[in-house]
C-alpha atoms as a PDB file:
ATOM      1  CA  MET A   1      19.434 114.420 -25.165  1.00  0.00           C
ATOM      2  CA  LEU A   2      17.568 114.303 -21.755  1.00  0.00           C
ATOM      3  CA  CYS A   3      20.789 114.566 -20.435  1.00  0.00           C
ATOM      4  CA  ILE A   4      21.446 118.343 -21.726  1.00  0.00           C
ATOM      5  CA  PRO A   5      21.541 120.401 -18.605  1.00  0.00           C
ATOM      6  CA  ILE A   6      19.674 123.811 -18.878  1.00  0.00           C
ATOM      7  CA  GLY A   7      21.129 127.106 -17.265  1.00  0.00           C
ATOM      8  CA  PRO A   8      24.126 129.382 -16.831  1.00  0.00           C
ATOM      9  CA  VAL A   9      26.443 126.654 -16.741  1.00  0.00           C
ATOM     10  CA  ASN A  10      26.473 126.333 -20.573  1.00  0.00           C
ATOM     11  CA  PHE A  11      27.492 129.861 -21.065  1.00  0.00           C
ATOM     12  CA  GLU A  12      30.215 129.398 -18.596  1.00  0.00           C
ATOM     13  CA  ILE A  13      31.702 126.344 -20.349  1.00  0.00           C
ATOM     14  CA  PHE A  14      31.606 128.371 -23.747  1.00  0.00           C
ATOM     15  CA  HIS A  15      33.005 131.397 -22.401  1.00  0.00           C
ATOM     16  CA  THR A  16      35.960 129.450 -20.529  1.00  0.00           C
ATOM     17  CA  ALA A  17      36.794 127.570 -23.893  1.00  0.00           C
ATOM     18  CA  LEU A  18      36.369 130.909 -25.737  1.00  0.00           C
ATOM     19  CA  LYS A  19      39.308 132.377 -23.466  1.00  0.00           C
ATOM     20  CA  LYS A  20      41.417 129.050 -24.623  1.00  0.00           C
ATOM     21  CA  GLN A  21      41.147 127.844 -20.948  1.00  0.00           C
ATOM     22  CA  TYR A  22      40.354 124.315 -22.159  1.00  0.00           C
ATOM     23  CA  PRO A  23      41.393 122.322 -18.979  1.00  0.00           C
ATOM     24  CA  GLN A  24      39.415 124.645 -17.035  1.00  0.00           C
ATOM     25  CA  ALA A  25      36.425 124.493 -19.467  1.00  0.00           C
ATOM     26  CA  VAL A  26      36.574 120.491 -19.076  1.00  0.00           C
ATOM     27  CA  ALA A  27      36.767 120.641 -15.218  1.00  0.00           C
ATOM     28  CA  VAL A  28      33.642 123.165 -15.432  1.00  0.00           C
ATOM     29  CA  ALA A  29      31.835 120.583 -17.625  1.00  0.00           C
ATOM     30  CA  ILE A  30      32.668 117.643 -15.378  1.00  0.00           C
ATOM     31  CA  GLY A  31      31.252 119.580 -12.242  1.00  0.00           C
ATOM     32  CA  GLY A  32      28.170 120.426 -14.222  1.00  0.00           C
ATOM     33  CA  ALA A  33      27.783 116.916 -15.383  1.00  0.00           C
ATOM     34  CA  ILE A  34      27.964 115.790 -11.758  1.00  0.00           C
ATOM     35  CA  GLY A  35      25.370 118.129 -10.546  1.00  0.00           C
ATOM     36  CA  ASP A  36      23.012 117.459 -13.244  1.00  0.00           C
ATOM     37  CA  ALA A  37      23.373 113.819 -12.220  1.00  0.00           C
ATOM     38  CA  VAL A  38      22.724 114.411  -8.683  1.00  0.00           C
ATOM     39  CA  TRP A  39      19.543 116.571  -9.778  1.00  0.00           C
ATOM     40  CA  ALA A  40      18.473 113.532 -11.770  1.00  0.00           C
ATOM     41  CA  THR A  41      18.758 111.064  -8.716  1.00  0.00           C
ATOM     42  CA  VAL A  42      16.980 113.537  -6.482  1.00  0.00           C
ATOM     43  CA  ALA A  43      14.064 114.005  -8.917  1.00  0.00           C
ATOM     44  CA  PHE A  44      13.769 110.230  -9.138  1.00  0.00           C
ATOM     45  CA  PHE A  45      13.449 109.518  -5.399  1.00  0.00           C
ATOM     46  CA  GLY A  46      11.045 112.515  -5.355  1.00  0.00           C
ATOM     47  CA  VAL A  47      11.161 116.201  -4.564  1.00  0.00           C
ATOM     48  CA  SER A  48       7.788 116.970  -2.829  1.00  0.00           C
ATOM     49  CA  PRO A  49       9.369 119.477  -0.294  1.00  0.00           C
ATOM     50  CA  PHE A  50      10.447 121.676  -3.278  1.00  0.00           C
ATOM     51  CA  THR A  51       7.283 121.458  -5.038  1.00  0.00           C
ATOM     52  CA  LYS A  52       5.330 122.461  -2.126  1.00  0.00           C
ATOM     53  CA  SER A  53       7.588 125.206  -0.481  1.00  0.00           C
ATOM     54  CA  TYR A  54       7.553 128.632  -2.102  1.00  0.00           C
ATOM     55  CA  TYR A  55      10.454 130.056   0.208  1.00  0.00           C
ATOM     56  CA  LEU A  56      12.559 127.078  -1.039  1.00  0.00           C
ATOM     57  CA  GLU A  57      11.915 127.897  -4.593  1.00  0.00           C
ATOM     58  CA  ALA A  58      12.558 131.461  -4.126  1.00  0.00           C
ATOM     59  CA  ALA A  59      15.946 130.687  -2.009  1.00  0.00           C
ATOM     60  CA  PHE A  60      17.208 128.571  -5.052  1.00  0.00           C
ATOM     61  CA  LEU A  61      16.466 131.444  -7.454  1.00  0.00           C
ATOM     62  CA  LEU A  62      17.832 134.010  -5.476  1.00  0.00           C
ATOM     63  CA  ALA A  63      20.972 131.838  -4.953  1.00  0.00           C
ATOM     64  CA  THR A  64      21.171 131.300  -8.900  1.00  0.00           C
ATOM     65  CA  ALA A  65      20.558 135.296  -9.424  1.00  0.00           C
ATOM     66  CA  ALA A  66      23.363 136.174  -7.299  1.00  0.00           C
ATOM     67  CA  ILE A  67      25.996 133.359  -8.877  1.00  0.00           C
ATOM     68  CA  THR A  68      24.802 134.452 -12.443  1.00  0.00           C
ATOM     69  CA  LEU A  69      25.058 138.161 -11.472  1.00  0.00           C
ATOM     70  CA  VAL A  70      28.810 137.512 -10.425  1.00  0.00           C
ATOM     71  CA  LEU A  71      29.786 135.572 -13.546  1.00  0.00           C
ATOM     72  CA  GLY A  72      28.333 138.144 -15.740  1.00  0.00           C
ATOM     73  CA  ILE A  73      30.486 140.950 -13.942  1.00  0.00           C
ATOM     74  CA  PHE A  74      33.531 138.770 -14.179  1.00  0.00           C
ATOM     75  CA  THR A  75      32.748 137.911 -17.803  1.00  0.00           C
ATOM     76  CA  LEU A  76      32.578 141.667 -18.692  1.00  0.00           C
ATOM     77  CA  LYS A  77      35.864 142.348 -16.975  1.00  0.00           C
ATOM     78  CA  ASP A  78      37.342 139.523 -19.050  1.00  0.00           C
ATOM     79  CA  SER A  79      36.384 141.043 -22.082  1.00  0.00           C
ATOM     80  CA  ARG A  80      38.755 143.806 -21.483  1.00  0.00           C
ATOM     81  CA  PHE A  81      41.214 141.469 -20.236  1.00  0.00           C
ATOM     82  CA  ILE A  82      41.310 139.300 -23.638  1.00  0.00           C
ATOM     83  CA  GLU A  83      42.664 142.344 -25.308  1.00  0.00           C
ATOM     84  CA  LYS A  84      46.082 141.945 -23.321  1.00  0.00           C
ATOM     85  CA  LYS A  85      48.941 139.719 -24.345  1.00  0.00           C
ATOM     86  CA  GLU A  86      48.451 135.898 -24.544  1.00  0.00           C
ATOM     87  CA  GLU A  87      51.286 135.292 -22.281  1.00  0.00           C
ATOM     88  CA  GLU A  88      49.445 137.235 -19.537  1.00  0.00           C
ATOM     89  CA  MET A  89      46.239 135.258 -20.068  1.00  0.00           C
ATOM     90  CA  VAL A  90      48.405 131.996 -19.307  1.00  0.00           C
ATOM     91  CA  ARG A  91      49.588 133.584 -16.022  1.00  0.00           C
ATOM     92  CA  LYS A  92      45.791 134.323 -15.060  1.00  0.00           C
ATOM     93  CA  ILE A  93      44.920 130.645 -16.180  1.00  0.00           C
ATOM     94  CA  ARG A  94      47.134 129.156 -13.696  1.00  0.00           C
ATOM     95  CA  ARG A  95      45.470 130.814 -10.880  1.00  0.00           C
ATOM     96  CA  LYS A  96      41.938 129.316 -11.482  1.00  0.00           C
ATOM     97  CA  ARG A  97      41.733 126.045  -9.605  1.00  0.00           C
ATOM     98  CA  TRP A  98      38.046 126.112  -8.590  1.00  0.00           C
ATOM     99  CA  ALA A  99      36.612 125.339 -12.024  1.00  0.00           C
ATOM    100  CA  PHE A 100      35.339 122.073 -11.225  1.00  0.00           C
ATOM    101  CA  LEU A 101      33.353 123.640  -7.931  1.00  0.00           C
ATOM    102  CA  LYS A 102      32.119 126.262 -10.177  1.00  0.00           C
ATOM    103  CA  GLY A 103      30.351 124.027 -12.489  1.00  0.00           C
ATOM    104  CA  LEU A 104      29.025 121.946  -9.830  1.00  0.00           C
ATOM    105  CA  THR A 105      27.608 125.013  -8.077  1.00  0.00           C
ATOM    106  CA  LEU A 106      26.166 126.466 -10.973  1.00  0.00           C
ATOM    107  CA  VAL A 107      23.781 123.273 -11.606  1.00  0.00           C
ATOM    108  CA  LEU A 108      23.070 122.723  -8.102  1.00  0.00           C
ATOM    109  CA  VAL A 109      21.880 126.064  -7.146  1.00  0.00           C
ATOM    110  CA  ASN A 110      19.824 126.188 -10.464  1.00  0.00           C
ATOM    111  CA  PRO A 111      16.065 125.249 -10.009  1.00  0.00           C
ATOM    112  CA  LEU A 112      15.813 124.531 -13.817  1.00  0.00           C
ATOM    113  CA  GLY A 113      18.053 121.407 -12.851  1.00  0.00           C
ATOM    114  CA  ILE A 114      15.627 119.745 -10.815  1.00  0.00           C
ATOM    115  CA  VAL A 115      12.495 120.923 -12.763  1.00  0.00           C
ATOM    116  CA  SER A 116      14.013 119.563 -15.997  1.00  0.00           C
ATOM    117  CA  TRP A 117      14.605 116.164 -14.550  1.00  0.00           C
ATOM    118  CA  MET A 118      10.970 115.979 -13.159  1.00  0.00           C
ATOM    119  CA  ILE A 119       9.717 116.562 -16.760  1.00  0.00           C
ATOM    120  CA  CYS A 120      12.341 114.267 -18.034  1.00  0.00           C
ATOM    121  CA  LEU A 121      11.283 111.331 -15.756  1.00  0.00           C
ATOM    122  CA  GLN A 122       7.529 111.975 -16.658  1.00  0.00           C
ATOM    123  CA  PHE A 123       8.390 111.695 -20.167  1.00  0.00           C
ATOM    124  CA  LEU A 124      10.055 108.381 -19.646  1.00  0.00           C
ATOM    125  CA  ARG A 125       7.256 107.080 -17.831  1.00  0.00           C
ATOM    126  CA  ARG A 126       4.797 108.253 -20.587  1.00  0.00           C
ATOM    127  CA  VAL A 127       6.915 106.224 -23.132  1.00  0.00           C
ATOM    128  CA  LYS A 128       6.914 103.417 -20.693  1.00  0.00           C
ATOM    129  CA  VAL A 129      10.547 103.428 -19.770  1.00  0.00           C
ATOM    130  CA  TYR A 130      10.503 102.811 -15.990  1.00  0.00           C
ATOM    131  CA  ILE A 131      13.812 102.801 -13.786  1.00  0.00           C
ATOM    132  CA  PRO A 132      13.599  99.963 -11.122  1.00  0.00           C
ATOM    133  CA  LEU A 133      13.884 101.164  -7.308  1.00  0.00           C
ATOM    134  CA  GLN A 134      17.125  99.205  -7.163  1.00  0.00           C
ATOM    135  CA  LEU A 135      20.421 100.473  -6.036  1.00  0.00           C
ATOM    136  CA  ARG A 136      22.321  99.200  -9.254  1.00  0.00           C
ATOM    137  CA  TYR A 137      19.774 100.923 -11.111  1.00  0.00           C
ATOM    138  CA  GLU A 138      20.215 104.345  -9.487  1.00  0.00           C
ATOM    139  CA  VAL A 139      23.742 104.175  -9.800  1.00  0.00           C
ATOM    140  CA  LEU A 140      23.594 103.281 -13.307  1.00  0.00           C
ATOM    141  CA  LEU A 141      21.135 106.272 -13.928  1.00  0.00           C
ATOM    142  CA  PHE A 142      23.800 108.472 -12.101  1.00  0.00           C
ATOM    143  CA  MET A 143      26.715 107.499 -14.295  1.00  0.00           C
ATOM    144  CA  VAL A 144      24.520 107.537 -17.529  1.00  0.00           C
ATOM    145  CA  VAL A 145      23.256 111.404 -17.024  1.00  0.00           C
ATOM    146  CA  THR A 146      26.828 112.234 -16.092  1.00  0.00           C
ATOM    147  CA  ALA A 147      28.101 110.666 -19.348  1.00  0.00           C
ATOM    148  CA  GLY A 148      25.632 112.228 -21.403  1.00  0.00           C
ATOM    149  CA  ALA A 149      26.108 115.773 -19.915  1.00  0.00           C
ATOM    150  CA  VAL A 150      29.878 115.276 -20.106  1.00  0.00           C
ATOM    151  CA  SER A 151      29.584 114.611 -23.617  1.00  0.00           C
ATOM    152  CA  TYR A 152      27.281 117.502 -24.492  1.00  0.00           C
ATOM    153  CA  PHE A 153      29.528 119.963 -22.453  1.00  0.00           C
ATOM    154  CA  LEU A 154      32.564 118.630 -24.297  1.00  0.00           C
ATOM    155  CA  LEU A 155      31.183 118.920 -27.527  1.00  0.00           C
ATOM    156  CA  ILE A 156      30.758 122.643 -26.621  1.00  0.00           C
ATOM    157  CA  VAL A 157      34.333 123.006 -25.941  1.00  0.00           C
ATOM    158  CA  PHE A 158      35.547 120.740 -28.882  1.00  0.00           C
ATOM    159  CA  ILE A 159      33.617 123.063 -31.384  1.00  0.00           C
ATOM    160  CA  THR A 160      34.876 126.082 -29.773  1.00  0.00           C
ATOM    161  CA  ASN A 161      38.381 124.817 -30.220  1.00  0.00           C
ATOM    162  CA  LYS A 162      37.824 123.926 -33.627  1.00  0.00           C
ATOM    163  CA  MET A 163      36.563 127.518 -34.463  1.00  0.00           C
ATOM    164  CA  LYS A 164      39.357 129.159 -32.732  1.00  0.00           C
ATOM    165  CA  HIS A 165      40.616 130.442 -35.755  1.00  0.00           C
ATOM    166  CA  ILE A 166      37.862 132.633 -36.503  1.00  0.00           C
ATOM    167  CA  PHE A 167      37.951 134.105 -32.821  1.00  0.00           C
ATOM    168  CA  ASN A 168      40.606 136.974 -32.778  1.00  0.00           C
ATOM    169  CA  ARG A 169      41.215 139.036 -29.838  1.00  0.00           C
ATOM    170  CA  GLN A 170      38.790 141.591 -31.093  1.00  0.00           C
ATOM    171  CA  ARG A 171      36.132 139.343 -32.115  1.00  0.00           C
ATOM    172  CA  THR A 172      36.634 137.333 -28.724  1.00  0.00           C
ATOM    173  CA  SER A 173      36.291 140.376 -26.697  1.00  0.00           C
ATOM    174  CA  LYS A 174      33.230 141.481 -28.217  1.00  0.00           C
ATOM    175  CA  ILE A 175      31.645 137.911 -27.772  1.00  0.00           C
ATOM    176  CA  THR A 176      32.597 137.690 -24.232  1.00  0.00           C
ATOM    177  CA  LYS A 177      31.012 141.076 -23.677  1.00  0.00           C
ATOM    178  CA  GLY A 178      27.805 139.918 -25.139  1.00  0.00           C
ATOM    179  CA  LEU A 179      27.975 136.789 -22.834  1.00  0.00           C
ATOM    180  CA  GLY A 180      28.490 138.927 -19.957  1.00  0.00           C
ATOM    181  CA  PHE A 181      25.404 141.132 -20.426  1.00  0.00           C
ATOM    182  CA  LEU A 182      23.205 137.811 -21.269  1.00  0.00           C
ATOM    183  CA  LEU A 183      24.474 136.446 -17.771  1.00  0.00           C
ATOM    184  CA  ILE A 184      23.434 139.541 -16.270  1.00  0.00           C
ATOM    185  CA  GLY A 185      20.177 139.662 -18.137  1.00  0.00           C
ATOM    186  CA  LEU A 186      19.451 136.160 -16.747  1.00  0.00           C
ATOM    187  CA  SER A 187      20.421 136.911 -13.348  1.00  0.00           C
ATOM    188  CA  ILE A 188      17.865 140.057 -13.249  1.00  0.00           C
ATOM    189  CA  TYR A 189      15.094 137.326 -14.601  1.00  0.00           C
ATOM    190  CA  PHE A 190      15.961 134.876 -11.784  1.00  0.00           C
ATOM    191  CA  LEU A 191      15.947 137.723  -9.301  1.00  0.00           C
ATOM    192  CA  TYR A 192      12.250 138.811 -10.641  1.00  0.00           C
ATOM    193  CA  ASN A 193      11.216 135.301 -10.235  1.00  0.00           C
ATOM    194  CA  ALA A 194      12.548 134.850  -6.798  1.00  0.00           C
ATOM    195  CA  ALA A 195      10.826 137.997  -5.826  1.00  0.00           C
ATOM    196  CA  LYS A 196       7.647 136.771  -7.167  1.00  0.00           C
ATOM    197  CA  ALA A 197       7.896 133.554  -5.488  1.00  0.00           C
ATOM    198  CA  PHE A 198       8.877 134.809  -2.032  1.00  0.00           C
ATOM    199  CA  PHE A 199       6.464 137.842  -1.882  1.00  0.00           C
ATOM    200  CA  PHE A 200       3.418 136.674  -3.790  1.00  0.00           C
ATOM    201  CA  ASN A 201       3.739 132.948  -2.691  1.00  0.00           C
ATOM    202  CA  THR A 202       3.560 132.026  -6.608  1.00  0.00           C
ATOM    203  CA  HIS A 203       5.216 129.004  -8.017  1.00  0.00           C
ATOM    204  CA  VAL A 204       7.172 130.410 -11.101  1.00  0.00           C
ATOM    205  CA  LEU A 205       8.438 127.179 -12.361  1.00  0.00           C
ATOM    206  CA  SER A 206       6.409 124.325 -14.055  1.00  0.00           C
ATOM    207  CA  LEU A 207       6.600 121.796 -11.124  1.00  0.00           C
ATOM    208  CA  PRO A 208       4.932 118.361 -11.956  1.00  0.00           C
ATOM    209  CA  GLN A 209       3.213 117.129  -9.107  1.00  0.00           C
END
């Protein structure tokens, strides 16, 4: 449960699976899971520069806002594209080769990734679960987090695939359009918090010290 990533990557995996691009959805899932494992490992070794720098936090939020906005715009464009013939969709699917990097980037630029793992590791300490400072345990942590996140993401793809019979083109187009507006709304939220951190020198995320 602690390995469930927070952020726009969830919407991107659902959106990709909704368009029946299952290999691409799995690639996004694997990239996102590895990104989440990177944040877990970084949080384990400490992230004091991140917790002390308002500008670094603002930069992460700004990058997340930009990427989320682009995803939202492309998702809105896809809502119109879905209404075309399925053969045309297949041709477009074959041109998408950056799904893995998309999933990885979506997690790595998301400041919620590092914050959530800082909170998770503090929770583990409170319940007296400690990870020894040895390489084999850090490697194991990375593998377990990756496996946990991949399992969660693949569950999204699996459920979407099993429910594909209820997603006709018109309904899929409406859901995709809703996801597009949701992503744009998230980008505005991230942009607002980036401006708040940059101009008012205020931490906008709950950063455990």
